[in-house]
Protein backbone atom coordinates (compact mmCIF):
# COMPACT_ATOMS: atom_id res chain seq x y z
CA MET A 1 109.49 97.88 95.59
CA ALA A 2 107.64 99.08 98.84
CA ALA A 3 108.15 102.93 98.39
CA VAL A 4 106.62 103.09 94.57
CA ILE A 5 103.62 100.70 95.97
CA ASP A 6 103.10 102.62 98.61
CA SER A 7 102.99 106.26 96.95
CA VAL A 8 100.83 104.29 94.60
CA ARG A 9 98.60 103.28 97.65
CA ALA A 10 98.13 106.71 98.72
CA PHE A 11 97.63 107.95 95.86
CA PHE A 12 94.36 105.99 95.04
CA ALA A 13 93.53 105.61 98.21
CA GLN A 14 89.80 106.80 98.20
CA SER A 15 89.70 104.10 95.06
CA THR A 16 88.20 100.38 95.17
CA PHE A 17 91.71 99.12 94.54
CA THR A 18 95.38 98.51 95.55
CA ILE A 19 98.31 97.62 93.02
CA ASP A 20 100.79 95.01 95.05
CA LEU A 21 103.14 92.76 94.18
CA GLU A 22 102.24 89.32 92.31
CA ASN A 23 102.46 86.48 94.46
CA ALA A 24 102.25 82.51 93.54
CA GLY A 25 98.94 82.82 94.86
CA ASP A 26 97.84 84.81 91.87
CA VAL A 27 98.81 82.35 89.23
CA VAL A 28 95.27 80.86 88.27
CA ALA A 29 93.50 84.37 89.11
CA ARG A 30 95.96 85.56 87.07
CA GLU A 31 95.82 83.38 84.04
CA ASN A 32 91.93 82.68 83.87
CA LEU A 33 91.95 87.05 84.06
CA LEU A 34 94.46 86.87 80.90
CA ASP A 35 92.86 84.14 79.09
CA ARG A 36 89.40 86.33 78.91
CA ALA A 37 91.42 89.52 77.76
CA MET A 38 93.59 88.33 75.47
CA GLY A 39 91.59 85.06 74.60
CA ALA A 40 92.25 81.98 73.22
CA ASP A 41 95.35 82.80 70.82
CA ARG A 42 97.20 84.93 73.34
CA ARG A 43 99.64 82.26 74.03
CA LYS A 44 100.60 82.60 69.79
CA LYS A 45 101.65 85.77 69.76
CA SER A 46 105.81 86.93 69.11
CA SER A 47 105.41 88.47 72.40
CA GLU A 48 104.70 84.96 74.34
CA LYS A 49 107.49 83.04 72.31
CA ILE A 50 110.15 85.63 74.03
CA ARG A 51 108.12 85.51 77.89
CA ARG A 52 107.75 81.65 77.67
CA GLY A 53 109.83 79.68 80.12
CA ARG A 54 110.97 82.41 81.46
CA VAL A 55 109.90 84.17 84.73
CA PRO A 56 109.69 88.05 84.88
CA ALA A 57 111.91 90.70 85.83
CA GLU A 58 112.68 91.10 88.87
CA GLY A 59 110.12 93.08 91.00
CA LEU A 60 108.46 93.31 88.18
CA ALA A 61 105.53 91.77 88.29
CA LEU A 62 102.55 93.71 89.76
CA VAL A 63 99.01 93.24 89.86
CA ALA A 64 95.40 95.61 91.31
CA ARG A 65 93.61 93.77 93.88
CA ASN A 66 89.39 95.30 94.48
CA ALA A 67 88.49 95.75 97.66
CA ALA A 68 88.10 92.11 98.69
CA GLY A 69 91.68 91.43 97.48
CA ARG A 70 90.65 89.88 94.11
CA LEU A 71 92.64 90.12 91.15
CA ILE A 72 91.55 92.86 89.32
CA GLY A 73 94.59 93.66 87.02
CA THR A 74 98.45 92.60 85.88
CA VAL A 75 101.46 93.67 84.28
CA ARG A 76 104.03 92.00 83.95
CA LEU A 77 107.49 93.23 82.70
CA TRP A 78 110.16 90.52 81.33
CA ASN A 79 114.03 91.57 80.69
CA ILE A 80 115.46 90.71 77.33
CA GLU A 81 118.15 91.73 75.21
CA ALA A 82 116.83 94.58 72.24
CA GLY A 83 119.09 94.04 69.56
CA VAL A 84 122.42 95.04 70.06
CA ASN A 85 123.94 98.68 70.15
CA ALA A 86 126.97 100.44 67.32
CA GLU A 87 129.35 98.26 69.13
CA GLY A 88 128.00 95.28 69.04
CA ARG A 89 127.13 94.73 72.28
CA PRO A 90 123.26 93.55 73.39
CA VAL A 91 121.18 95.93 74.67
CA ASP A 92 118.80 95.48 78.17
CA ALA A 93 115.50 96.55 77.84
CA LEU A 94 112.85 95.28 78.98
CA LEU A 95 108.94 93.95 77.37
CA LEU A 96 106.47 94.57 78.90
CA GLY A 97 103.09 93.06 78.57
CA PRO A 98 99.99 91.73 78.83
CA LEU A 99 98.79 94.61 80.92
CA ALA A 100 95.04 93.06 81.73
CA VAL A 101 92.53 94.34 83.33
CA ASP A 102 89.19 92.54 84.54
CA SER A 103 86.35 93.59 82.08
CA ASP A 104 83.79 94.23 85.11
CA TYR A 105 86.28 97.39 86.51
CA GLU A 106 87.74 99.03 83.10
CA GLY A 107 87.80 102.62 82.71
CA LYS A 108 88.65 102.76 86.32
CA GLY A 109 91.87 103.91 85.87
CA ILE A 110 93.73 100.73 87.39
CA GLY A 111 95.24 100.13 83.61
CA SER A 112 96.82 103.50 83.86
CA ALA A 113 97.82 102.90 87.67
CA LEU A 114 100.15 99.31 86.92
CA MET A 115 101.43 101.40 84.01
CA ARG A 116 102.31 104.19 85.95
CA ALA A 117 103.70 101.49 88.85
CA ALA A 118 105.37 99.53 86.62
CA ILE A 119 107.50 102.36 85.17
CA ALA A 120 108.30 103.71 88.24
CA GLU A 121 109.51 100.28 89.85
CA ALA A 122 111.81 100.22 86.96
CA LYS A 123 113.15 103.10 86.59
CA LYS A 124 113.62 102.80 90.85
CA ARG A 125 115.63 98.96 88.90
CA ASP A 126 117.79 101.37 87.15
CA HIS A 127 116.77 99.95 83.87
CA GLY A 128 117.20 101.85 80.77
CA ALA A 129 114.40 100.98 78.38
CA ILE A 130 110.56 99.14 77.62
CA LEU A 131 109.58 97.71 74.85
CA LEU A 132 105.54 96.70 74.00
CA VAL A 133 103.17 95.62 71.56
CA GLY A 134 100.02 97.89 72.17
CA ASP A 135 97.92 100.28 71.00
CA ALA A 136 99.40 103.57 70.30
CA PRO A 137 97.00 105.54 71.43
CA TYR A 138 96.71 104.54 74.78
CA TYR A 139 100.64 103.86 75.48
CA GLU A 140 101.78 107.72 73.95
CA ARG A 141 100.38 108.95 76.95
CA PHE A 142 102.91 106.86 79.18
CA GLY A 143 105.77 108.04 76.53
CA PHE A 144 105.92 104.60 74.08
CA PHE A 145 106.12 105.44 70.37
CA ALA A 146 107.27 103.78 67.90
CA ALA A 147 109.95 105.69 66.16
CA LYS A 148 112.26 104.10 69.17
CA THR A 149 112.02 100.52 67.76
CA ARG A 150 112.66 101.33 64.09
CA HIS A 151 115.61 99.47 64.00
CA LEU A 152 114.30 96.75 66.01
CA VAL A 153 112.40 93.45 64.89
CA MET A 154 109.69 90.70 67.64
CA PRO A 155 110.67 87.02 66.09
CA GLY A 156 107.79 85.88 64.17
CA PRO A 157 105.00 88.80 62.72
CA PHE A 158 104.01 91.38 63.86
CA ASP A 159 102.48 95.62 63.92
CA ARG A 160 105.49 97.48 63.31
CA GLN A 161 103.03 100.58 64.36
CA ARG A 162 102.23 98.95 67.57
CA PHE A 163 105.62 97.57 68.23
CA LEU A 164 106.85 101.27 70.43
CA ALA A 165 109.21 101.08 73.80
CA LEU A 166 109.72 104.02 76.05
CA GLU A 167 113.62 105.04 77.37
CA LEU A 168 114.07 105.25 80.70
CA LYS A 169 117.91 106.11 79.68
CA GLU A 170 117.96 109.21 77.14
CA GLY A 171 119.13 107.37 74.71
CA TRP A 172 119.28 104.24 75.99
CA LEU A 173 117.63 102.67 72.20
CA GLU A 174 119.74 105.28 70.20
CA GLY A 175 121.54 102.91 67.70
CA ALA A 176 120.20 99.53 68.98
CA VAL A 177 119.12 97.44 66.10
CA GLY A 178 118.37 93.75 65.77
CA LEU A 179 115.90 90.65 67.07
CA LEU A 180 114.41 91.32 70.54
CA VAL A 181 115.76 87.85 72.46
CA ALA A 182 114.69 86.67 75.71
CA SER A 183 117.65 87.03 78.36
CA GLY A 184 115.56 86.83 82.16
CA ARG A 185 115.71 83.93 84.69
CA LYS A 186 113.61 80.62 82.78
CA LEU A 187 111.30 78.96 84.82
CA GLY A 188 112.61 75.63 86.91
CA LYS A 189 111.22 72.38 84.88
CA ALA A 190 109.33 71.77 87.92
CA MET A 191 107.46 75.53 87.63
CA MET A 192 107.76 74.15 83.68
CA ARG A 193 105.64 71.36 84.57
CA ARG A 194 102.85 73.25 86.24
CA ALA A 195 102.58 75.71 83.70
CA ALA A 196 101.98 73.73 80.90
């Protein structure tokens, strides 16, 4: 992870922000940012149902910090099973989200930098695909398309046109069909009480 973060830092050395791994001290700032960016109903979304009670995939919870070190952006990826393949075996993948940037810093490339760092780190960690629910015009520039999810469904209501995927390994989602389910590490009981 350090090499990926270092390369993103070098690329944005002249910028007013850096990309870093999320740490325990970021929780309150991250949750406040997500509440502002996503609204009060964010916890009712289908993606949130998959994430509930889980921790992000190893090394795939990233933040953007301003020059003073304040959290101004976040993206997290989660371990999931994206249905099953033709042989009936679960298809391991990642679910991205939420991606959010503080409104005072929109339009400065922070969201794009977080996306590029997350995709690069997921590739480095040998993941096969990333799925998300989001605006196609924004995410298509990173290689996410609805065609890869046409035989997959989210738990609960979702907009099929906003259900997108990026294969990190060609053909990874070929033949994948069924429901997305969480497969990552669960939060410990003490952490779940704090998160409630």
